[in-house]
Amino acid sequence: DAEYIYQMPYRNALIAVLLIPSCFTVFRIIGFNYKKSLLRYLGKH
């Protein structure tokens, strides 16, 4: 509660390395191949 987590760059980088592959894997599994997708629309813009 005393500090922002972005002020801890080493742990921050490690957390990012752990979470980002999970994000890619989850979104790749889902595919989002259907035409109407809010996330795809937001991504394009």
All heavy atoms as atom14 arrays in JSON, in Angstrom:
{
  "sequence": "DAEYIYQMPYRNALIAVLLIPSCFTVFRIIGFNYKKSLLRYLGKH",
  "atom14_mask": [
    [1, 1, 1, 1, 1, 1, 1, 1, 0, 0, 0, 0, 0, 0],
    [1, 1, 1, 1, 1, 0, 0, 0, 0, 0, 0, 0, 0, 0],
    [1, 1, 1, 1, 1, 1, 1, 1, 1, 0, 0, 0, 0, 0],
    [1, 1, 1, 1, 1, 1, 1, 1, 1, 1, 1, 1, 0, 0],
    [1, 1, 1, 1, 1, 1, 1, 1, 0, 0, 0, 0, 0, 0],
    [1, 1, 1, 1, 1, 1, 1, 1, 1, 1, 1, 1, 0, 0],
    [1, 1, 1, 1, 1, 1, 1, 1, 1, 0, 0, 0, 0, 0],
    [1, 1, 1, 1, 1, 1, 1, 1, 0, 0, 0, 0, 0, 0],
    [1, 1, 1, 1, 1, 1, 1, 0, 0, 0, 0, 0, 0, 0],
    [1, 1, 1, 1, 1, 1, 1, 1, 1, 1, 1, 1, 0, 0],
    [1, 1, 1, 1, 1, 1, 1, 1, 1, 1, 1, 0, 0, 0],
    [1, 1, 1, 1, 1, 1, 1, 1, 0, 0, 0, 0, 0, 0],
    [1, 1, 1, 1, 1, 0, 0, 0, 0, 0, 0, 0, 0, 0],
    [1, 1, 1, 1, 1, 1, 1, 1, 0, 0, 0, 0, 0, 0],
    [1, 1, 1, 1, 1, 1, 1, 1, 0, 0, 0, 0, 0, 0],
    [1, 1, 1, 1, 1, 0, 0, 0, 0, 0, 0, 0, 0, 0],
    [1, 1, 1, 1, 1, 1, 1, 0, 0, 0, 0, 0, 0, 0],
    [1, 1, 1, 1, 1, 1, 1, 1, 0, 0, 0, 0, 0, 0],
    [1, 1, 1, 1, 1, 1, 1, 1, 0, 0, 0, 0, 0, 0],
    [1, 1, 1, 1, 1, 1, 1, 1, 0, 0, 0, 0, 0, 0],
    [1, 1, 1, 1, 1, 1, 1, 0, 0, 0, 0, 0, 0, 0],
    [1, 1, 1, 1, 1, 1, 0, 0, 0, 0, 0, 0, 0, 0],
    [1, 1, 1, 1, 1, 1, 0, 0, 0, 0, 0, 0, 0, 0],
    [1, 1, 1, 1, 1, 1, 1, 1, 1, 1, 1, 0, 0, 0],
    [1, 1, 1, 1, 1, 1, 1, 0, 0, 0, 0, 0, 0, 0],
    [1, 1, 1, 1, 1, 1, 1, 0, 0, 0, 0, 0, 0, 0],
    [1, 1, 1, 1, 1, 1, 1, 1, 1, 1, 1, 0, 0, 0],
    [1, 1, 1, 1, 1, 1, 1, 1, 1, 1, 1, 0, 0, 0],
    [1, 1, 1, 1, 1, 1, 1, 1, 0, 0, 0, 0, 0, 0],
    [1, 1, 1, 1, 1, 1, 1, 1, 0, 0, 0, 0, 0, 0],
    [1, 1, 1, 1, 0, 0, 0, 0, 0, 0, 0, 0, 0, 0],
    [1, 1, 1, 1, 1, 1, 1, 1, 1, 1, 1, 0, 0, 0],
    [1, 1, 1, 1, 1, 1, 1, 1, 0, 0, 0, 0, 0, 0],
    [1, 1, 1, 1, 1, 1, 1, 1, 1, 1, 1, 1, 0, 0],
    [1, 1, 1, 1, 1, 1, 1, 1, 1, 0, 0, 0, 0, 0],
    [1, 1, 1, 1, 1, 1, 1, 1, 1, 0, 0, 0, 0, 0],
    [1, 1, 1, 1, 1, 1, 0, 0, 0, 0, 0, 0, 0, 0],
    [1, 1, 1, 1, 1, 1, 1, 1, 0, 0, 0, 0, 0, 0],
    [1, 1, 1, 1, 1, 1, 1, 1, 0, 0, 0, 0, 0, 0],
    [1, 1, 1, 1, 1, 1, 1, 1, 1, 1, 1, 0, 0, 0],
    [1, 1, 1, 1, 1, 1, 1, 1, 1, 1, 1, 1, 0, 0],
    [1, 1, 1, 1, 1, 1, 1, 1, 0, 0, 0, 0, 0, 0],
    [1, 1, 1, 1, 0, 0, 0, 0, 0, 0, 0, 0, 0, 0],
    [1, 1, 1, 1, 1, 1, 1, 1, 1, 0, 0, 0, 0, 0],
    [1, 1, 1, 1, 1, 1, 1, 1, 1, 1, 0, 0, 0, 0]
  ],
  "atom14_positions": [
    [[0.83, -1.21, 0.0], [0.0, 0.0, 0.0], [0.86, 1.26, 0.0], [0.36, 2.36, -0.21], [-0.91, 0.03, 1.23], [-2.02, -1.01, 1.14], [-2.42, -1.33, 0.01], [-2.47, -1.49, 2.2], [0.0, 0.0, 0.0], [0.0, 0.0, 0.0], [0.0, 0.0, 0.0], [0.0, 0.0, 0.0], [0.0, 0.0, 0.0], [0.0, 0.0, 0.0]],
    [[2.15, 1.1, 0.24], [3.02, 2.27, 0.39], [3.64, 2.73, -0.91], [4.21, 3.81, -0.97], [4.13, 1.97, 1.4], [0.0, 0.0, 0.0], [0.0, 0.0, 0.0], [0.0, 0.0, 0.0], [0.0, 0.0, 0.0], [0.0, 0.0, 0.0], [0.0, 0.0, 0.0], [0.0, 0.0, 0.0], [0.0, 0.0, 0.0], [0.0, 0.0, 0.0]],
    [[3.55, 1.9, -1.97], [4.2, 2.29, -3.2], [3.48, 1.71, -4.41], [2.66, 0.81, -4.3], [5.65, 1.8, -3.2], [5.79, 0.29, -3.07], [7.24, -0.15, -2.96], [8.11, 0.58, -3.44], [7.48, -1.22, -2.39], [0.0, 0.0, 0.0], [0.0, 0.0, 0.0], [0.0, 0.0, 0.0], [0.0, 0.0, 0.0], [0.0, 0.0, 0.0]],
    [[3.78, 2.27, -5.58], [3.22, 1.75, -6.82], [4.07, 0.58, -7.28], [5.29, 0.6, -7.21], [3.22, 2.84, -7.89], [2.21, 3.92, -7.65], [2.6, 5.16, -7.16], [0.86, 3.7, -7.92], [1.67, 6.15, -6.94], [-0.07, 4.69, -7.7], [0.33, 5.92, -7.2], [-0.58, 6.9, -6.98], [0.0, 0.0, 0.0], [0.0, 0.0, 0.0]],
    [[3.38, -0.42, -7.83], [4.1, -1.61, -8.24], [5.02, -1.32, -9.42], [6.02, -2.0, -9.63], [3.12, -2.76, -8.57], [3.84, -4.1, -8.47], [2.45, -2.55, -9.91], [2.92, -5.29, -8.41], [0.0, 0.0, 0.0], [0.0, 0.0, 0.0], [0.0, 0.0, 0.0], [0.0, 0.0, 0.0], [0.0, 0.0, 0.0], [0.0, 0.0, 0.0]],
    [[4.7, -0.27, -10.23], [5.57, 0.03, -11.37], [6.92, 0.57, -10.91], [7.87, 0.66, -11.69], [4.9, 0.99, -12.35], [4.87, 2.44, -11.92], [5.96, 3.27, -12.11], [3.73, 2.99, -11.35], [5.94, 4.59, -11.73], [3.69, 4.33, -10.98], [4.8, 5.12, -11.17], [4.77, 6.43, -10.78], [0.0, 0.0, 0.0], [0.0, 0.0, 0.0]],
    [[7.01, 0.93, -9.63], [8.27, 1.41, -9.09], [9.21, 0.25, -8.73], [10.29, 0.45, -8.22], [8.02, 2.28, -7.86], [7.28, 3.58, -8.2], [6.87, 4.35, -6.96], [6.67, 3.79, -5.9], [6.76, 5.68, -7.1], [0.0, 0.0, 0.0], [0.0, 0.0, 0.0], [0.0, 0.0, 0.0], [0.0, 0.0, 0.0], [0.0, 0.0, 0.0]],
    [[8.77, -0.98, -9.01], [9.58, -2.17, -8.76], [9.87, -2.82, -10.1], [9.25, -3.83, -10.47], [8.84, -3.12, -7.83], [8.49, -2.5, -6.48], [7.58, -3.63, -5.38], [5.93, -3.52, -6.08], [0.0, 0.0, 0.0], [0.0, 0.0, 0.0], [0.0, 0.0, 0.0], [0.0, 0.0, 0.0], [0.0, 0.0, 0.0], [0.0, 0.0, 0.0]],
    [[10.79, -2.25, -10.9], [10.96, -2.68, -12.3], [11.36, -4.14, -12.49], [10.9, -4.78, -13.43], [12.05, -1.74, -12.81], [12.76, -1.25, -11.6], [11.71, -1.18, -10.54], [0.0, 0.0, 0.0], [0.0, 0.0, 0.0], [0.0, 0.0, 0.0], [0.0, 0.0, 0.0], [0.0, 0.0, 0.0], [0.0, 0.0, 0.0], [0.0, 0.0, 0.0]],
    [[12.21, -4.69, -11.6], [12.64, -6.07, -11.8], [11.48, -7.04, -11.62], [11.26, -7.94, -12.45], [13.78, -6.42, -10.82], [15.04, -5.62, -11.05], [15.77, -5.11, -9.99], [15.49, -5.39, -12.35], [16.93, -4.37, -10.21], [16.66, -4.65, -12.57], [17.37, -4.15, -11.51], [18.51, -3.42, -11.72], [0.0, 0.0, 0.0], [0.0, 0.0, 0.0]],
    [[10.74, -6.88, -10.54], [9.58, -7.75, -10.32], [8.52, -7.49, -11.38], [7.84, -8.41, -11.84], [9.01, -7.51, -8.91], [9.75, -8.27, -7.82], [9.26, -7.9, -6.44], [9.71, -6.57, -6.06], [9.46, -6.02, -4.86], [8.74, -6.7, -3.97], [9.9, -4.82, -4.57], [0.0, 0.0, 0.0], [0.0, 0.0, 0.0], [0.0, 0.0, 0.0]],
    [[8.41, -6.24, -11.77], [7.44, -5.87, -12.81], [7.74, -6.59, -14.12], [6.85, -7.13, -14.78], [7.48, -4.36, -13.02], [6.14, -3.8, -13.45], [5.1, -4.34, -13.1], [6.17, -2.73, -14.2], [0.0, 0.0, 0.0], [0.0, 0.0, 0.0], [0.0, 0.0, 0.0], [0.0, 0.0, 0.0], [0.0, 0.0, 0.0], [0.0, 0.0, 0.0]],
    [[9.0, -6.58, -14.52], [9.41, -7.24, -15.77], [9.18, -8.75, -15.68], [8.72, -9.38, -16.64], [10.88, -6.94, -16.06], [0.0, 0.0, 0.0], [0.0, 0.0, 0.0], [0.0, 0.0, 0.0], [0.0, 0.0, 0.0], [0.0, 0.0, 0.0], [0.0, 0.0, 0.0], [0.0, 0.0, 0.0], [0.0, 0.0, 0.0], [0.0, 0.0, 0.0]],
    [[9.48, -9.34, -14.52], [9.29, -10.77, -14.34], [7.8, -11.13, -14.41], [7.42, -12.13, -15.03], [9.88, -11.23, -13.01], [9.74, -12.73, -12.67], [10.36, -13.58, -13.77], [10.39, -13.02, -11.32], [0.0, 0.0, 0.0], [0.0, 0.0, 0.0], [0.0, 0.0, 0.0], [0.0, 0.0, 0.0], [0.0, 0.0, 0.0], [0.0, 0.0, 0.0]],
    [[6.97, -10.32, -13.76], [5.52, -10.56, -13.8], [5.02, -10.48, -15.24], [4.21, -11.3, -15.69], [4.78, -9.54, -12.92], [5.08, -9.82, -11.44], [3.27, -9.59, -13.16], [4.59, -8.73, -10.5], [0.0, 0.0, 0.0], [0.0, 0.0, 0.0], [0.0, 0.0, 0.0], [0.0, 0.0, 0.0], [0.0, 0.0, 0.0], [0.0, 0.0, 0.0]],
    [[5.5, -9.49, -15.98], [5.08, -9.32, -17.38], [5.47, -10.54, -18.21], [4.68, -11.03, -19.03], [5.69, -8.05, -17.97], [0.0, 0.0, 0.0], [0.0, 0.0, 0.0], [0.0, 0.0, 0.0], [0.0, 0.0, 0.0], [0.0, 0.0, 0.0], [0.0, 0.0, 0.0], [0.0, 0.0, 0.0], [0.0, 0.0, 0.0], [0.0, 0.0, 0.0]],
    [[6.69, -11.03, -18.0], [7.17, -12.2, -18.75], [6.3, -13.42, -18.44], [6.08, -14.29, -19.3], [8.65, -12.48, -18.42], [9.08, -13.84, -18.95], [9.53, -11.39, -19.01], [0.0, 0.0, 0.0], [0.0, 0.0, 0.0], [0.0, 0.0, 0.0], [0.0, 0.0, 0.0], [0.0, 0.0, 0.0], [0.0, 0.0, 0.0], [0.0, 0.0, 0.0]],
    [[5.78, -13.51, -17.22], [4.94, -14.63, -16.83], [3.51, -14.5, -17.36], [2.91, -15.49, -17.78], [4.9, -14.76, -15.3], [6.2, -15.2, -14.63], [6.1, -15.05, -13.11], [6.54, -16.65, -14.99], [0.0, 0.0, 0.0], [0.0, 0.0, 0.0], [0.0, 0.0, 0.0], [0.0, 0.0, 0.0], [0.0, 0.0, 0.0], [0.0, 0.0, 0.0]],
    [[2.97, -13.29, -17.35], [1.57, -13.1, -17.71], [1.33, -13.0, -19.22], [0.3, -13.46, -19.72], [1.02, -11.84, -17.03], [0.9, -11.85, -15.51], [0.27, -10.56, -15.03], [0.09, -13.04, -15.03], [0.0, 0.0, 0.0], [0.0, 0.0, 0.0], [0.0, 0.0, 0.0], [0.0, 0.0, 0.0], [0.0, 0.0, 0.0], [0.0, 0.0, 0.0]],
    [[2.25, -12.39, -19.95], [2.02, -12.14, -21.37], [1.87, -13.42, -22.19], [0.96, -13.52, -23.02], [3.14, -11.24, -21.94], [2.98, -9.82, -21.36], [3.09, -11.19, -23.47], [4.12, -8.89, -21.7], [0.0, 0.0, 0.0], [0.0, 0.0, 0.0], [0.0, 0.0, 0.0], [0.0, 0.0, 0.0], [0.0, 0.0, 0.0], [0.0, 0.0, 0.0]],
    [[2.72, -14.45, -22.0], [2.49, -15.7, -22.75], [1.12, -16.29, -22.48], [0.49, -16.88, -23.38], [3.61, -16.62, -22.25], [4.67, -15.7, -21.78], [3.95, -14.53, -21.2], [0.0, 0.0, 0.0], [0.0, 0.0, 0.0], [0.0, 0.0, 0.0], [0.0, 0.0, 0.0], [0.0, 0.0, 0.0], [0.0, 0.0, 0.0], [0.0, 0.0, 0.0]],
    [[0.64, -16.14, -21.24], [-0.69, -16.64, -20.9], [-1.76, -15.9, -21.69], [-2.72, -16.51, -22.17], [-0.94, -16.48, -19.39], [0.07, -17.12, -18.64], [0.0, 0.0, 0.0], [0.0, 0.0, 0.0], [0.0, 0.0, 0.0], [0.0, 0.0, 0.0], [0.0, 0.0, 0.0], [0.0, 0.0, 0.0], [0.0, 0.0, 0.0], [0.0, 0.0, 0.0]],
    [[-1.59, -14.59, -21.82], [-2.55, -13.79, -22.59], [-2.58, -14.24, -24.05], [-3.65, -14.43, -24.64], [-2.18, -12.31, -22.5], [-2.4, -11.57, -20.87], [0.0, 0.0, 0.0], [0.0, 0.0, 0.0], [0.0, 0.0, 0.0], [0.0, 0.0, 0.0], [0.0, 0.0, 0.0], [0.0, 0.0, 0.0], [0.0, 0.0, 0.0], [0.0, 0.0, 0.0]],
    [[-1.4, -14.42, -24.63], [-1.32, -14.86, -26.02], [-1.97, -16.24, -26.19], [-2.72, -16.47, -27.15], [0.14, -14.92, -26.49], [0.6, -13.67, -27.18], [0.98, -12.56, -26.46], [0.64, -13.6, -28.57], [1.4, -11.4, -27.09], [1.07, -12.45, -29.22], [1.44, -11.34, -28.48], [0.0, 0.0, 0.0], [0.0, 0.0, 0.0], [0.0, 0.0, 0.0]],
    [[-1.69, -17.14, -25.27], [-2.23, -18.5, -25.38], [-3.74, -18.51, -25.27], [-4.43, -19.14, -26.08], [-1.63, -19.4, -24.28], [-0.21, -19.47, -24.46], [-2.2, -20.81, -24.37], [0.0, 0.0, 0.0], [0.0, 0.0, 0.0], [0.0, 0.0, 0.0], [0.0, 0.0, 0.0], [0.0, 0.0, 0.0], [0.0, 0.0, 0.0], [0.0, 0.0, 0.0]],
    [[-4.28, -17.8, -24.27], [-5.74, -17.76, -24.07], [-6.43, -17.17, -25.29], [-7.42, -17.73, -25.8], [-6.09, -16.95, -22.8], [-7.6, -16.7, -22.74], [-5.63, -17.69, -21.56], [0.0, 0.0, 0.0], [0.0, 0.0, 0.0], [0.0, 0.0, 0.0], [0.0, 0.0, 0.0], [0.0, 0.0, 0.0], [0.0, 0.0, 0.0], [0.0, 0.0, 0.0]],
    [[-5.93, -16.06, -25.79], [-6.59, -15.41, -26.93], [-6.42, -16.23, -28.2], [-7.3, -16.24, -29.06], [-6.02, -14.0, -27.11], [-6.67, -12.98, -26.22], [-6.42, -12.95, -24.86], [-7.57, -12.06, -26.74], [-7.03, -12.03, -24.03], [-8.18, -11.12, -25.92], [-7.91, -11.1, -24.56], [0.0, 0.0, 0.0], [0.0, 0.0, 0.0], [0.0, 0.0, 0.0]],
    [[-5.3, -16.93, -28.34], [-5.1, -17.77, -29.52], [-6.04, -18.98, -29.48], [-6.58, -19.4, -30.51], [-3.65, -18.24, -29.61], [-3.31, -18.9, -30.94], [-1.9, -19.45, -30.94], [-0.9, -18.41, -30.77], [0.4, -18.66, -30.58], [0.82, -19.92, -30.52], [1.26, -17.68, -30.45], [0.0, 0.0, 0.0], [0.0, 0.0, 0.0], [0.0, 0.0, 0.0]],
    [[-6.26, -19.53, -28.29], [-7.17, -20.67, -28.16], [-8.59, -20.25, -28.51], [-9.3, -20.94, -29.23], [-7.12, -21.24, -26.72], [-5.78, -21.93, -26.48], [-8.27, -22.22, -26.49], [-5.58, -22.37, -25.05], [0.0, 0.0, 0.0], [0.0, 0.0, 0.0], [0.0, 0.0, 0.0], [0.0, 0.0, 0.0], [0.0, 0.0, 0.0], [0.0, 0.0, 0.0]],
    [[-9.01, -19.1, -27.98], [-10.37, -18.61, -28.27], [-10.51, -18.3, -29.76], [-11.53, -18.59, -30.38], [-10.69, -17.37, -27.42], [-10.69, -17.73, -25.93], [-12.04, -16.76, -27.82], [-10.84, -16.56, -25.0], [0.0, 0.0, 0.0], [0.0, 0.0, 0.0], [0.0, 0.0, 0.0], [0.0, 0.0, 0.0], [0.0, 0.0, 0.0], [0.0, 0.0, 0.0]],
    [[-9.47, -17.71, -30.33], [-9.45, -17.46, -31.77], [-10.1, -16.16, -32.21], [-9.6, -15.47, -33.07], [0.0, 0.0, 0.0], [0.0, 0.0, 0.0], [0.0, 0.0, 0.0], [0.0, 0.0, 0.0], [0.0, 0.0, 0.0], [0.0, 0.0, 0.0], [0.0, 0.0, 0.0], [0.0, 0.0, 0.0], [0.0, 0.0, 0.0], [0.0, 0.0, 0.0]],
    [[-11.29, -15.86, -31.66], [-12.04, -14.65, -32.03], [-12.28, -14.57, -33.53], [-12.15, -13.51, -34.15], [-11.31, -13.39, -31.54], [-11.26, -13.26, -30.04], [-10.19, -13.77, -29.33], [-12.3, -12.67, -29.34], [-10.14, -13.68, -27.93], [-12.26, -12.57, -27.95], [-11.18, -13.08, -27.25], [0.0, 0.0, 0.0], [0.0, 0.0, 0.0], [0.0, 0.0, 0.0]],
    [[-12.63, -15.69, -34.13], [-12.84, -15.75, -35.58], [-14.24, -15.32, -36.01], [-14.49, -15.17, -37.2], [-12.57, -17.18, -36.08], [-11.1, -17.56, -35.96], [-10.23, -16.79, -36.33], [-10.83, -18.73, -35.41], [0.0, 0.0, 0.0], [0.0, 0.0, 0.0], [0.0, 0.0, 0.0], [0.0, 0.0, 0.0], [0.0, 0.0, 0.0], [0.0, 0.0, 0.0]],
    [[-15.15, -15.16, -35.04], [-16.49, -14.71, -35.41], [-16.46, -13.25, -35.82], [-15.61, -12.48, -35.39], [-17.47, -14.91, -34.25], [-16.89, -14.65, -32.87], [-16.96, -13.41, -32.28], [-16.25, -15.69, -32.17], [-16.42, -13.18, -31.02], [-15.7, -15.46, -30.92], [-15.79, -14.22, -30.35], [-15.24, -14.0, -29.12], [0.0, 0.0, 0.0], [0.0, 0.0, 0.0]],
    [[-17.4, -12.87, -36.68], [-17.37, -11.56, -37.32], [-17.53, -10.41, -36.32], [-16.81, -9.43, -36.36], [-18.45, -11.48, -38.4], [-18.18, -12.36, -39.61], [-19.25, -12.17, -40.67], [-18.96, -13.03, -41.89], [-20.0, -12.87, -42.95], [0.0, 0.0, 0.0], [0.0, 0.0, 0.0], [0.0, 0.0, 0.0], [0.0, 0.0, 0.0], [0.0, 0.0, 0.0]],
    [[-18.53, -10.52, -35.43], [-18.81, -9.43, -34.51], [-18.12, -9.7, -33.18], [-18.52, -10.59, -32.43], [-20.31, -9.27, -34.32], [-21.04, -8.81, -35.58], [-22.52, -8.56, -35.3], [-23.23, -8.06, -36.56], [-24.68, -7.81, -36.33], [0.0, 0.0, 0.0], [0.0, 0.0, 0.0], [0.0, 0.0, 0.0], [0.0, 0.0, 0.0], [0.0, 0.0, 0.0]],
    [[-17.1, -8.93, -32.9], [-16.36, -9.07, -31.66], [-16.0, -7.67, -31.16], [-15.33, -6.91, -31.87], [-15.1, -9.9, -31.86], [-14.26, -9.84, -30.73], [0.0, 0.0, 0.0], [0.0, 0.0, 0.0], [0.0, 0.0, 0.0], [0.0, 0.0, 0.0], [0.0, 0.0, 0.0], [0.0, 0.0, 0.0], [0.0, 0.0, 0.0], [0.0, 0.0, 0.0]],
    [[-16.44, -7.35, -29.95], [-16.15, -6.03, -29.39], [-14.65, -5.82, -29.22], [-14.12, -4.76, -29.55], [-16.85, -5.87, -28.03], [-16.58, -4.56, -27.29], [-17.03, -3.36, -28.11], [-17.24, -4.57, -25.92], [0.0, 0.0, 0.0], [0.0, 0.0, 0.0], [0.0, 0.0, 0.0], [0.0, 0.0, 0.0], [0.0, 0.0, 0.0], [0.0, 0.0, 0.0]],
    [[-13.96, -6.85, -28.73], [-12.52, -6.71, -28.51], [-11.78, -6.5, -29.83], [-10.85, -5.69, -29.91], [-11.97, -7.95, -27.8], [-12.33, -8.09, -26.31], [-11.72, -9.36, -25.74], [-11.87, -6.88, -25.51], [0.0, 0.0, 0.0], [0.0, 0.0, 0.0], [0.0, 0.0, 0.0], [0.0, 0.0, 0.0], [0.0, 0.0, 0.0], [0.0, 0.0, 0.0]],
    [[-12.18, -7.21, -30.87], [-11.53, -7.02, -32.18], [-11.78, -5.61, -32.7], [-10.89, -4.98, -33.28], [-12.06, -8.05, -33.18], [-11.46, -9.44, -33.02], [-12.06, -10.42, -34.0], [-11.83, -10.01, -35.38], [-12.34, -10.66, -36.43], [-13.11, -11.73, -36.25], [-12.07, -10.26, -37.65], [0.0, 0.0, 0.0], [0.0, 0.0, 0.0], [0.0, 0.0, 0.0]],
    [[-12.99, -5.12, -32.5], [-13.32, -3.77, -32.95], [-12.47, -2.73, -32.21], [-11.93, -1.8, -32.83], [-14.81, -3.49, -32.72], [-15.26, -2.13, -33.19], [-15.51, -1.88, -34.54], [-15.44, -1.09, -32.28], [-15.92, -0.63, -34.97], [-15.85, 0.17, -32.7], [-16.09, 0.39, -34.05], [-16.49, 1.64, -34.47], [0.0, 0.0, 0.0], [0.0, 0.0, 0.0]],
    [[-12.36, -2.91, -30.9], [-11.54, -1.98, -30.12], [-10.08, -2.09, -30.51], [-9.36, -1.08, -30.55], [-11.71, -2.27, -28.62], [-13.1, -2.06, -28.02], [-13.09, -2.38, -26.53], [-13.6, -0.64, -28.26], [0.0, 0.0, 0.0], [0.0, 0.0, 0.0], [0.0, 0.0, 0.0], [0.0, 0.0, 0.0], [0.0, 0.0, 0.0], [0.0, 0.0, 0.0]],
    [[-9.63, -3.31, -30.82], [-8.25, -3.49, -31.23], [-7.92, -2.79, -32.53], [-6.85, -2.2, -32.68], [0.0, 0.0, 0.0], [0.0, 0.0, 0.0], [0.0, 0.0, 0.0], [0.0, 0.0, 0.0], [0.0, 0.0, 0.0], [0.0, 0.0, 0.0], [0.0, 0.0, 0.0], [0.0, 0.0, 0.0], [0.0, 0.0, 0.0], [0.0, 0.0, 0.0]],
    [[-8.86, -2.83, -33.47], [-8.65, -2.16, -34.76], [-8.58, -0.64, -34.59], [-7.99, 0.06, -35.42], [-9.77, -2.53, -35.72], [-9.74, -3.98, -36.18], [-10.92, -4.3, -37.09], [-10.91, -5.76, -37.51], [-12.09, -6.09, -38.36], [0.0, 0.0, 0.0], [0.0, 0.0, 0.0], [0.0, 0.0, 0.0], [0.0, 0.0, 0.0], [0.0, 0.0, 0.0]],
    [[-9.21, -0.13, -33.54], [-9.23, 1.32, -33.3], [-8.41, 1.7, -32.06], [-8.65, 2.76, -31.47], [-10.67, 1.8, -33.14], [-11.5, 1.63, -34.38], [-11.44, 2.51, -35.45], [-12.4, 0.68, -34.73], [-12.27, 2.11, -36.4], [-12.86, 1.01, -35.99], [0.0, 0.0, 0.0], [0.0, 0.0, 0.0], [0.0, 0.0, 0.0], [0.0, 0.0, 0.0]]
  ]
}
